[in-house]
Amino acid sequence: MEFRELVMRRKSIRKYLPDPVDQKDIYEMLELATRAANAGNQQMWRFFVIQSKDVLSRMAQAVSDATDRLAARVGQSERASSAKKWALFFQEAPCVIAVATQRYDSVVEKMLVQAGYSQQQIDDLRVRPDLQSIGGCIQLLLLAAEEKGYGACWMTAPLIARPELEEILKIKPPLSLAALIPLGRPAEQPPLRPRKPVQELVTYV
């Protein structure tokens, strides 16, 4: 498959067949994902592969409970079910890859700390090189899944329960959970979603 075709046909899949994902395929997809450009070649990504239905059920319950608490807190309990629609479908996938990261550590970061910058000021200035790096990694993972005939979706909605999910998955500092990627053979083929014309997005300076 040509690269352009692969990129143009990739889409987010939210319904999956129950067929298990082959372990060899998982490793091959993750190997490609780790070829992503990343800050300082620190390769700050780590992957947690979840195939246990019991673990996925516990994760989903944590996300559901966190959504209910938030909805109740803002007095909008009726919106909880709508929010859950976009946060819980990962539990139906035969495989979920949790992607964790750790903060970028470089000479510049150390100098900024010594200069008295707060962590928030550093993040505002540097725009989280670790998150930029795993963004590239996740995009390659999605393309690798598409090339092998799997469907996948880049999810951050479940992170409303990030502390609980990290406890379930035993993700400990300095690592922190950044995204969930449900993965499986597609049980749907939704239409491609439109993209803005590139001419509207480019400014020549």
C-alpha atoms as a PDB file:
ATOM      1  CA  MET A   1       0.000   0.000   0.000  1.00  0.00           C
ATOM      2  CA  GLU A   2       1.361   3.412  -0.929  1.00  0.00           C
ATOM      3  CA  PHE A   3       1.966   5.822   1.948  1.00  0.00           C
ATOM      4  CA  ARG A   4      -0.477   8.410   0.636  1.00  0.00           C
ATOM      5  CA  GLU A   5      -3.231   5.821   0.296  1.00  0.00           C
ATOM      6  CA  LEU A   6      -2.569   4.564   3.822  1.00  0.00           C
ATOM      7  CA  VAL A   7      -2.801   8.054   5.309  1.00  0.00           C
ATOM      8  CA  MET A   8      -5.883   9.027   3.314  1.00  0.00           C
ATOM      9  CA  ARG A   9      -7.866   5.883   4.207  1.00  0.00           C
ATOM     10  CA  ARG A  10      -7.122   5.806   7.952  1.00  0.00           C
ATOM     11  CA  LYS A  11     -10.105   6.605  10.147  1.00  0.00           C
ATOM     12  CA  SER A  12     -11.137   6.214  13.762  1.00  0.00           C
ATOM     13  CA  ILE A  13     -12.882   2.890  14.406  1.00  0.00           C
ATOM     14  CA  ARG A  14     -15.103   2.580  17.477  1.00  0.00           C
ATOM     15  CA  LYS A  15     -16.678  -0.867  16.952  1.00  0.00           C
ATOM     16  CA  TYR A  16     -14.652  -4.067  16.836  1.00  0.00           C
ATOM     17  CA  LEU A  17     -15.027  -7.744  16.085  1.00  0.00           C
ATOM     18  CA  PRO A  18     -14.216 -10.036  19.037  1.00  0.00           C
ATOM     19  CA  ASP A  19     -11.303 -11.702  17.194  1.00  0.00           C
ATOM     20  CA  PRO A  20      -8.113 -11.521  19.290  1.00  0.00           C
ATOM     21  CA  VAL A  21      -5.232  -9.355  18.123  1.00  0.00           C
ATOM     22  CA  ASP A  22      -2.173 -11.448  17.339  1.00  0.00           C
ATOM     23  CA  GLN A  23       0.748 -10.755  19.692  1.00  0.00           C
ATOM     24  CA  LYS A  24       3.201 -10.727  16.791  1.00  0.00           C
ATOM     25  CA  ASP A  25       1.123  -8.015  15.112  1.00  0.00           C
ATOM     26  CA  ILE A  26       1.086  -5.986  18.327  1.00  0.00           C
ATOM     27  CA  TYR A  27       4.864  -6.043  18.577  1.00  0.00           C
ATOM     28  CA  GLU A  28       5.305  -5.177  14.912  1.00  0.00           C
ATOM     29  CA  MET A  29       2.922  -2.223  15.177  1.00  0.00           C
ATOM     30  CA  LEU A  30       4.610  -0.940  18.326  1.00  0.00           C
ATOM     31  CA  GLU A  31       8.033  -1.364  16.757  1.00  0.00           C
ATOM     32  CA  LEU A  32       6.964   0.925  13.922  1.00  0.00           C
ATOM     33  CA  ALA A  33       5.416   3.371  16.378  1.00  0.00           C
ATOM     34  CA  THR A  34       8.709   3.727  18.221  1.00  0.00           C
ATOM     35  CA  ARG A  35      10.371   4.995  15.050  1.00  0.00           C
ATOM     36  CA  ALA A  36       8.612   8.329  15.595  1.00  0.00           C
ATOM     37  CA  ALA A  37      10.620  11.529  15.854  1.00  0.00           C
ATOM     38  CA  ASN A  38      10.940  12.455  19.515  1.00  0.00           C
ATOM     39  CA  ALA A  39      12.563  15.080  21.703  1.00  0.00           C
ATOM     40  CA  GLY A  40      16.210  14.356  22.387  1.00  0.00           C
ATOM     41  CA  ASN A  41      15.688  10.738  21.286  1.00  0.00           C
ATOM     42  CA  GLN A  42      14.595  10.077  24.867  1.00  0.00           C
ATOM     43  CA  GLN A  43      11.832   7.746  23.601  1.00  0.00           C
ATOM     44  CA  MET A  44       9.681   8.603  26.602  1.00  0.00           C
ATOM     45  CA  TRP A  45       6.782   6.367  25.533  1.00  0.00           C
ATOM     46  CA  ARG A  46       5.820   3.171  27.342  1.00  0.00           C
ATOM     47  CA  PHE A  47       3.041   0.770  26.345  1.00  0.00           C
ATOM     48  CA  PHE A  48       0.668  -1.283  28.470  1.00  0.00           C
ATOM     49  CA  VAL A  49      -1.209  -3.917  26.436  1.00  0.00           C
ATOM     50  CA  ILE A  50      -4.569  -4.865  27.953  1.00  0.00           C
ATOM     51  CA  GLN A  51      -6.407  -7.950  26.692  1.00  0.00           C
ATOM     52  CA  SER A  52      -8.085  -9.039  29.923  1.00  0.00           C
ATOM     53  CA  LYS A  53     -11.844  -8.433  29.885  1.00  0.00           C
ATOM     54  CA  ASP A  54     -11.790  -8.184  33.672  1.00  0.00           C
ATOM     55  CA  VAL A  55      -9.209  -5.388  33.594  1.00  0.00           C
ATOM     56  CA  LEU A  56     -11.061  -3.570  30.801  1.00  0.00           C
ATOM     57  CA  SER A  57     -14.295  -3.832  32.805  1.00  0.00           C
ATOM     58  CA  ARG A  58     -12.617  -2.328  35.875  1.00  0.00           C
ATOM     59  CA  MET A  59     -11.184   0.472  33.756  1.00  0.00           C
ATOM     60  CA  ALA A  60     -14.592   1.194  32.236  1.00  0.00           C
ATOM     61  CA  GLN A  61     -16.233   1.268  35.661  1.00  0.00           C
ATOM     62  CA  ALA A  62     -13.647   3.775  36.876  1.00  0.00           C
ATOM     63  CA  VAL A  63     -14.335   6.029  33.877  1.00  0.00           C
ATOM     64  CA  SER A  64     -18.101   5.696  34.338  1.00  0.00           C
ATOM     65  CA  ASP A  65     -17.873   6.597  38.023  1.00  0.00           C
ATOM     66  CA  ALA A  66     -15.627   9.597  37.325  1.00  0.00           C
ATOM     67  CA  THR A  67     -18.049  10.833  34.664  1.00  0.00           C
ATOM     68  CA  ASP A  68     -20.987  10.523  37.072  1.00  0.00           C
ATOM     69  CA  ARG A  69     -19.123  12.452  39.763  1.00  0.00           C
ATOM     70  CA  LEU A  70     -18.280  15.273  37.388  1.00  0.00           C
ATOM     71  CA  ALA A  71     -21.811  15.495  35.992  1.00  0.00           C
ATOM     72  CA  ALA A  72     -23.285  15.584  39.489  1.00  0.00           C
ATOM     73  CA  ARG A  73     -20.799  18.226  40.586  1.00  0.00           C
ATOM     74  CA  VAL A  74     -21.852  20.613  37.813  1.00  0.00           C
ATOM     75  CA  GLY A  75     -25.537  19.725  38.116  1.00  0.00           C
ATOM     76  CA  GLN A  76     -25.790  18.127  34.684  1.00  0.00           C
ATOM     77  CA  SER A  77     -26.356  14.464  35.488  1.00  0.00           C
ATOM     78  CA  GLU A  78     -28.498  14.087  32.360  1.00  0.00           C
ATOM     79  CA  ARG A  79     -25.398  14.629  30.222  1.00  0.00           C
ATOM     80  CA  ALA A  80     -23.439  11.766  31.785  1.00  0.00           C
ATOM     81  CA  SER A  81     -24.798   9.109  29.404  1.00  0.00           C
ATOM     82  CA  SER A  82     -23.823  11.202  26.373  1.00  0.00           C
ATOM     83  CA  ALA A  83     -20.316  11.694  27.721  1.00  0.00           C
ATOM     84  CA  LYS A  84     -19.970   7.986  28.450  1.00  0.00           C
ATOM     85  CA  LYS A  85     -20.784   7.132  24.842  1.00  0.00           C
ATOM     86  CA  TRP A  86     -17.459   8.638  23.782  1.00  0.00           C
ATOM     87  CA  ALA A  87     -15.461   7.460  26.791  1.00  0.00           C
ATOM     88  CA  LEU A  88     -16.379   3.806  27.308  1.00  0.00           C
ATOM     89  CA  PHE A  89     -16.377   2.020  23.938  1.00  0.00           C
ATOM     90  CA  PHE A  90     -12.774   0.915  24.501  1.00  0.00           C
ATOM     91  CA  GLN A  91     -14.052  -1.871  26.754  1.00  0.00           C
ATOM     92  CA  GLU A  92     -15.530  -3.668  23.721  1.00  0.00           C
ATOM     93  CA  ALA A  93     -12.192  -3.941  21.923  1.00  0.00           C
ATOM     94  CA  PRO A  94     -10.237  -7.218  22.113  1.00  0.00           C
ATOM     95  CA  CYS A  95      -7.088  -5.226  22.849  1.00  0.00           C
ATOM     96  CA  VAL A  96      -6.350  -1.807  24.299  1.00  0.00           C
ATOM     97  CA  ILE A  97      -2.922  -0.198  24.278  1.00  0.00           C
ATOM     98  CA  ALA A  98      -2.427   2.322  27.054  1.00  0.00           C
ATOM     99  CA  VAL A  99       0.300   4.820  26.162  1.00  0.00           C
ATOM    100  CA  ALA A 100       2.233   6.409  28.991  1.00  0.00           C
ATOM    101  CA  THR A 101       4.914   9.063  28.930  1.00  0.00           C
ATOM    102  CA  GLN A 102       7.327  10.834  31.214  1.00  0.00           C
ATOM    103  CA  ARG A 103       8.426  14.438  31.139  1.00  0.00           C
ATOM    104  CA  TYR A 104      11.210  15.509  28.824  1.00  0.00           C
ATOM    105  CA  ASP A 105      14.457  16.172  30.643  1.00  0.00           C
ATOM    106  CA  SER A 106      17.085  18.288  28.927  1.00  0.00           C
ATOM    107  CA  VAL A 107      19.760  20.893  29.620  1.00  0.00           C
ATOM    108  CA  VAL A 108      17.286  23.666  28.750  1.00  0.00           C
ATOM    109  CA  GLU A 109      14.654  22.314  31.167  1.00  0.00           C
ATOM    110  CA  LYS A 110      17.245  22.182  33.948  1.00  0.00           C
ATOM    111  CA  MET A 111      18.336  25.765  33.187  1.00  0.00           C
ATOM    112  CA  LEU A 112      14.739  26.967  33.306  1.00  0.00           C
ATOM    113  CA  VAL A 113      14.263  25.351  36.725  1.00  0.00           C
ATOM    114  CA  GLN A 114      17.466  26.971  37.968  1.00  0.00           C
ATOM    115  CA  ALA A 115      16.240  30.308  36.611  1.00  0.00           C
ATOM    116  CA  GLY A 116      13.164  30.038  38.825  1.00  0.00           C
ATOM    117  CA  TYR A 117      10.543  29.050  36.254  1.00  0.00           C
ATOM    118  CA  SER A 118       7.605  27.078  37.613  1.00  0.00           C
ATOM    119  CA  GLN A 119       6.620  23.786  35.965  1.00  0.00           C
ATOM    120  CA  GLN A 120       3.557  25.495  34.474  1.00  0.00           C
ATOM    121  CA  GLN A 121       5.702  28.263  33.019  1.00  0.00           C
ATOM    122  CA  ILE A 122       8.078  25.701  31.541  1.00  0.00           C
ATOM    123  CA  ASP A 123       5.159  23.779  30.038  1.00  0.00           C
ATOM    124  CA  ASP A 124       3.708  26.983  28.563  1.00  0.00           C
ATOM    125  CA  LEU A 125       7.062  27.910  27.073  1.00  0.00           C
ATOM    126  CA  ARG A 126       8.171  24.483  25.846  1.00  0.00           C
ATOM    127  CA  VAL A 127       4.697  23.079  24.977  1.00  0.00           C
ATOM    128  CA  ARG A 128       5.350  19.648  26.522  1.00  0.00           C
ATOM    129  CA  PRO A 129       7.948  17.980  24.252  1.00  0.00           C
ATOM    130  CA  ASP A 130       7.006  14.619  25.770  1.00  0.00           C
ATOM    131  CA  LEU A 131       3.384  14.906  24.636  1.00  0.00           C
ATOM    132  CA  GLN A 132       4.453  16.119  21.201  1.00  0.00           C
ATOM    133  CA  SER A 133       6.720  13.079  20.952  1.00  0.00           C
ATOM    134  CA  ILE A 134       4.097  10.509  21.872  1.00  0.00           C
ATOM    135  CA  GLY A 135       1.680  12.224  19.485  1.00  0.00           C
ATOM    136  CA  GLY A 136       3.997  11.219  16.658  1.00  0.00           C
ATOM    137  CA  CYS A 137       4.310   7.749  18.144  1.00  0.00           C
ATOM    138  CA  ILE A 138       0.544   7.258  18.379  1.00  0.00           C
ATOM    139  CA  GLN A 139      -0.003   8.483  14.827  1.00  0.00           C
ATOM    140  CA  LEU A 140       2.477   5.896  13.536  1.00  0.00           C
ATOM    141  CA  LEU A 141       0.721   3.240  15.630  1.00  0.00           C
ATOM    142  CA  LEU A 142      -2.623   4.137  14.034  1.00  0.00           C
ATOM    143  CA  LEU A 143      -1.111   3.929  10.552  1.00  0.00           C
ATOM    144  CA  ALA A 144       0.557   0.609  11.350  1.00  0.00           C
ATOM    145  CA  ALA A 145      -2.799  -0.741  12.550  1.00  0.00           C
ATOM    146  CA  GLU A 146      -4.505   0.425   9.358  1.00  0.00           C
ATOM    147  CA  GLU A 147      -1.815  -1.201   7.227  1.00  0.00           C
ATOM    148  CA  LYS A 148      -2.392  -4.538   8.981  1.00  0.00           C
ATOM    149  CA  GLY A 149      -6.170  -4.357   8.610  1.00  0.00           C
ATOM    150  CA  TYR A 150      -6.986  -3.386  12.193  1.00  0.00           C
ATOM    151  CA  GLY A 151      -9.186  -0.570  13.367  1.00  0.00           C
ATOM    152  CA  ALA A 152      -8.075   1.754  16.150  1.00  0.00           C
ATOM    153  CA  CYS A 153      -9.013   5.005  17.850  1.00  0.00           C
ATOM    154  CA  TRP A 154      -6.956   7.600  19.706  1.00  0.00           C
ATOM    155  CA  MET A 155      -8.794   8.192  23.010  1.00  0.00           C
ATOM    156  CA  THR A 156      -8.275  10.755  25.737  1.00  0.00           C
ATOM    157  CA  ALA A 157     -11.868  10.961  27.049  1.00  0.00           C
ATOM    158  CA  PRO A 158     -11.239   8.112  29.545  1.00  0.00           C
ATOM    159  CA  LEU A 159      -8.492  10.173  31.185  1.00  0.00           C
ATOM    160  CA  ILE A 160     -11.154  11.827  33.306  1.00  0.00           C
ATOM    161  CA  ALA A 161     -10.333   8.820  35.519  1.00  0.00           C
ATOM    162  CA  ARG A 162      -6.578   8.977  34.984  1.00  0.00           C
ATOM    163  CA  PRO A 163      -5.561   8.394  38.643  1.00  0.00           C
ATOM    164  CA  GLU A 164      -7.833   5.357  38.887  1.00  0.00           C
ATOM    165  CA  LEU A 165      -6.678   3.983  35.530  1.00  0.00           C
ATOM    166  CA  GLU A 166      -3.038   4.415  36.509  1.00  0.00           C
ATOM    167  CA  GLU A 167      -3.708   2.480  39.707  1.00  0.00           C
ATOM    168  CA  ILE A 168      -5.418  -0.359  37.828  1.00  0.00           C
ATOM    169  CA  LEU A 169      -2.592  -0.553  35.285  1.00  0.00           C
ATOM    170  CA  LYS A 170       0.142  -0.025  37.902  1.00  0.00           C
ATOM    171  CA  ILE A 171       1.528   3.003  36.050  1.00  0.00           C
ATOM    172  CA  LYS A 172       3.749   4.790  38.535  1.00  0.00           C
ATOM    173  CA  PRO A 173       5.771   8.044  38.469  1.00  0.00           C
ATOM    174  CA  PRO A 174       7.704   9.269  36.616  1.00  0.00           C
ATOM    175  CA  LEU A 175       5.326   7.701  34.067  1.00  0.00           C
ATOM    176  CA  SER A 176       1.827   9.076  33.517  1.00  0.00           C
ATOM    177  CA  LEU A 177      -1.004   7.791  31.352  1.00  0.00           C
ATOM    178  CA  ALA A 178      -1.554   9.856  28.200  1.00  0.00           C
ATOM    179  CA  ALA A 179      -3.963   7.949  25.927  1.00  0.00           C
ATOM    180  CA  LEU A 180      -5.850   4.721  25.296  1.00  0.00           C
ATOM    181  CA  ILE A 181      -5.823   3.055  21.875  1.00  0.00           C
ATOM    182  CA  PRO A 182      -8.516   0.368  21.459  1.00  0.00           C
ATOM    183  CA  LEU A 183      -7.534  -2.035  18.703  1.00  0.00           C
ATOM    184  CA  GLY A 184      -9.251  -4.826  16.767  1.00  0.00           C
ATOM    185  CA  ARG A 185     -10.640  -5.945  13.457  1.00  0.00           C
ATOM    186  CA  PRO A 186     -13.239  -3.339  12.444  1.00  0.00           C
ATOM    187  CA  ALA A 187     -16.912  -4.161  12.885  1.00  0.00           C
ATOM    188  CA  GLU A 188     -17.827  -0.970  11.022  1.00  0.00           C
ATOM    189  CA  GLN A 189     -16.572   1.140   8.153  1.00  0.00           C
ATOM    190  CA  PRO A 190     -17.686   4.694   8.885  1.00  0.00           C
ATOM    191  CA  PRO A 191     -17.263   7.286   6.157  1.00  0.00           C
ATOM    192  CA  LEU A 192     -14.128   9.360   6.098  1.00  0.00           C
ATOM    193  CA  ARG A 193     -14.618  12.635   7.926  1.00  0.00           C
ATOM    194  CA  PRO A 194     -13.910  15.810   5.957  1.00  0.00           C
ATOM    195  CA  ARG A 195     -10.777  17.846   6.443  1.00  0.00           C
ATOM    196  CA  LYS A 196     -10.354  21.579   5.963  1.00  0.00           C
ATOM    197  CA  PRO A 197      -8.696  22.562   2.678  1.00  0.00           C
ATOM    198  CA  VAL A 198      -4.983  22.893   3.265  1.00  0.00           C
ATOM    199  CA  GLN A 199      -5.051  26.323   1.584  1.00  0.00           C
ATOM    200  CA  GLU A 200      -7.059  27.594   4.594  1.00  0.00           C
ATOM    201  CA  LEU A 201      -4.446  26.339   7.036  1.00  0.00           C
ATOM    202  CA  VAL A 202      -1.183  27.557   5.537  1.00  0.00           C
ATOM    203  CA  THR A 203       0.458  30.938   5.958  1.00  0.00           C
ATOM    204  CA  TYR A 204       3.643  31.756   4.070  1.00  0.00           C
ATOM    205  CA  VAL A 205       5.927  34.117   5.956  1.00  0.00           C
END
